[in-house]
Amino acid sequence: MLEGELVLVEDEGETVLRAGDAAAFPKGAGNGHNMINRSAKDALYIEIGSRHPEDVTICSDIDLMSANADGRFLHKDGTPYP
């Protein structure tokens, strides 16, 4: 986190992140996560990932996955979103 405050929502619960904090997720962990700004101010953070073409992102908390090879968003059964 560079500025502000965000709430990191993971499968295990929520964590408040403030400037100077970091979060990391090991490959293959399958921990669905997102960030929510519940404050009245803007927040600024850096997101870093490898984006290898063979990688697939699977969201554990919703029916969504995406292959880095083509960037399409799909249902977990492989059918494309309209």
C-alpha atoms as a PDB file:
ATOM      1  CA  MET A   1       0.000   0.000   0.000  1.00  0.00           C
ATOM      2  CA  LEU A   2       1.309   3.419  -0.925  1.00  0.00           C
ATOM      3  CA  GLU A   3      -1.445   5.714   0.343  1.00  0.00           C
ATOM      4  CA  GLY A   4      -4.768   5.437   2.102  1.00  0.00           C
ATOM      5  CA  GLU A   5      -6.469   2.381   3.527  1.00  0.00           C
ATOM      6  CA  LEU A   6      -8.080  -0.672   1.922  1.00  0.00           C
ATOM      7  CA  VAL A   7      -9.726  -3.763   3.343  1.00  0.00           C
ATOM      8  CA  LEU A   8      -8.291  -7.000   1.950  1.00  0.00           C
ATOM      9  CA  VAL A   9     -11.068  -9.604   1.824  1.00  0.00           C
ATOM     10  CA  GLU A  10      -9.800 -13.201   1.688  1.00  0.00           C
ATOM     11  CA  ASP A  11     -11.327 -16.618   2.222  1.00  0.00           C
ATOM     12  CA  GLU A  12     -10.115 -16.463   5.850  1.00  0.00           C
ATOM     13  CA  GLY A  13     -11.574 -13.021   6.616  1.00  0.00           C
ATOM     14  CA  GLU A  14     -10.702  -9.337   6.345  1.00  0.00           C
ATOM     15  CA  THR A  15      -7.503  -7.373   6.998  1.00  0.00           C
ATOM     16  CA  VAL A  16      -7.086  -3.592   6.927  1.00  0.00           C
ATOM     17  CA  LEU A  17      -4.079  -2.541   4.831  1.00  0.00           C
ATOM     18  CA  ARG A  18      -2.465   0.875   5.288  1.00  0.00           C
ATOM     19  CA  ALA A  19       0.508   2.663   3.712  1.00  0.00           C
ATOM     20  CA  GLY A  20       3.590   0.449   4.085  1.00  0.00           C
ATOM     21  CA  ASP A  21       1.625  -2.826   4.321  1.00  0.00           C
ATOM     22  CA  ALA A  22       1.876  -5.646   1.778  1.00  0.00           C
ATOM     23  CA  ALA A  23       0.031  -8.865   1.011  1.00  0.00           C
ATOM     24  CA  ALA A  24       1.244 -11.877  -0.979  1.00  0.00           C
ATOM     25  CA  PHE A  25      -0.442 -14.976  -2.313  1.00  0.00           C
ATOM     26  CA  PRO A  26       1.505 -18.123  -3.240  1.00  0.00           C
ATOM     27  CA  LYS A  27       0.852 -19.733  -6.604  1.00  0.00           C
ATOM     28  CA  GLY A  28      -1.772 -22.440  -6.460  1.00  0.00           C
ATOM     29  CA  ALA A  29      -3.150 -21.429  -3.057  1.00  0.00           C
ATOM     30  CA  GLY A  30      -6.630 -20.814  -4.492  1.00  0.00           C
ATOM     31  CA  ASN A  31      -7.369 -18.043  -2.002  1.00  0.00           C
ATOM     32  CA  GLY A  32      -9.980 -15.769  -3.558  1.00  0.00           C
ATOM     33  CA  HIS A  33      -9.414 -12.150  -2.598  1.00  0.00           C
ATOM     34  CA  ASN A  34     -10.362  -8.577  -3.399  1.00  0.00           C
ATOM     35  CA  MET A  35      -9.796  -5.082  -2.031  1.00  0.00           C
ATOM     36  CA  ILE A  36     -12.515  -2.716  -0.823  1.00  0.00           C
ATOM     37  CA  ASN A  37     -12.109   0.963  -0.032  1.00  0.00           C
ATOM     38  CA  ARG A  38     -14.433   1.636   2.907  1.00  0.00           C
ATOM     39  CA  SER A  39     -12.787   4.958   3.737  1.00  0.00           C
ATOM     40  CA  ALA A  40     -13.740   8.428   2.534  1.00  0.00           C
ATOM     41  CA  LYS A  41     -10.340   8.946   0.864  1.00  0.00           C
ATOM     42  CA  ASP A  42      -8.688   7.571  -2.272  1.00  0.00           C
ATOM     43  CA  ALA A  43      -6.173   4.747  -1.877  1.00  0.00           C
ATOM     44  CA  LEU A  44      -3.129   3.929  -3.982  1.00  0.00           C
ATOM     45  CA  TYR A  45      -1.475   0.517  -4.217  1.00  0.00           C
ATOM     46  CA  ILE A  46       0.761  -1.468  -6.531  1.00  0.00           C
ATOM     47  CA  GLU A  47      -0.239  -4.908  -7.776  1.00  0.00           C
ATOM     48  CA  ILE A  48       2.505  -7.194  -9.067  1.00  0.00           C
ATOM     49  CA  GLY A  49       2.113 -10.511 -10.839  1.00  0.00           C
ATOM     50  CA  SER A  50       3.938 -12.659 -13.355  1.00  0.00           C
ATOM     51  CA  ARG A  51       1.148 -12.870 -15.955  1.00  0.00           C
ATOM     52  CA  HIS A  52       2.716 -15.923 -17.602  1.00  0.00           C
ATOM     53  CA  PRO A  53       0.566 -17.048 -20.570  1.00  0.00           C
ATOM     54  CA  GLU A  54       0.046 -20.510 -19.042  1.00  0.00           C
ATOM     55  CA  ASP A  55      -1.305 -19.085 -15.762  1.00  0.00           C
ATOM     56  CA  VAL A  56      -5.022 -19.227 -15.020  1.00  0.00           C
ATOM     57  CA  THR A  57      -6.678 -17.030 -12.408  1.00  0.00           C
ATOM     58  CA  ILE A  58      -9.548 -18.730 -10.568  1.00  0.00           C
ATOM     59  CA  CYS A  59     -11.754 -16.786  -8.183  1.00  0.00           C
ATOM     60  CA  SER A  60     -12.780 -19.095  -5.359  1.00  0.00           C
ATOM     61  CA  ASP A  61     -15.644 -16.916  -4.124  1.00  0.00           C
ATOM     62  CA  ILE A  62     -17.444 -16.349  -7.460  1.00  0.00           C
ATOM     63  CA  ASP A  63     -17.970 -18.270 -10.727  1.00  0.00           C
ATOM     64  CA  LEU A  64     -15.102 -16.610 -12.616  1.00  0.00           C
ATOM     65  CA  MET A  65     -11.774 -17.579 -14.110  1.00  0.00           C
ATOM     66  CA  SER A  66      -9.435 -16.004 -16.635  1.00  0.00           C
ATOM     67  CA  ALA A  67      -6.581 -17.415 -18.691  1.00  0.00           C
ATOM     68  CA  ASN A  68      -3.642 -15.063 -19.156  1.00  0.00           C
ATOM     69  CA  ALA A  69      -3.056 -16.533 -22.628  1.00  0.00           C
ATOM     70  CA  ASP A  70      -6.080 -14.711 -24.062  1.00  0.00           C
ATOM     71  CA  GLY A  71      -7.423 -12.576 -21.192  1.00  0.00           C
ATOM     72  CA  ARG A  72     -10.988 -13.837 -21.590  1.00  0.00           C
ATOM     73  CA  PHE A  73     -13.254 -14.136 -18.564  1.00  0.00           C
ATOM     74  CA  LEU A  74     -14.993 -17.498 -18.287  1.00  0.00           C
ATOM     75  CA  HIS A  75     -17.303 -19.394 -15.982  1.00  0.00           C
ATOM     76  CA  LYS A  76     -15.464 -22.087 -14.028  1.00  0.00           C
ATOM     77  CA  ASP A  77     -16.906 -24.706 -16.391  1.00  0.00           C
ATOM     78  CA  GLY A  78     -15.143 -22.929 -19.275  1.00  0.00           C
ATOM     79  CA  THR A  79     -18.166 -21.290 -20.906  1.00  0.00           C
ATOM     80  CA  PRO A  80     -17.568 -17.638 -21.815  1.00  0.00           C
ATOM     81  CA  TYR A  81     -19.435 -14.751 -20.279  1.00  0.00           C
ATOM     82  CA  PRO A  82     -21.691 -13.021 -22.856  1.00  0.00           C
END
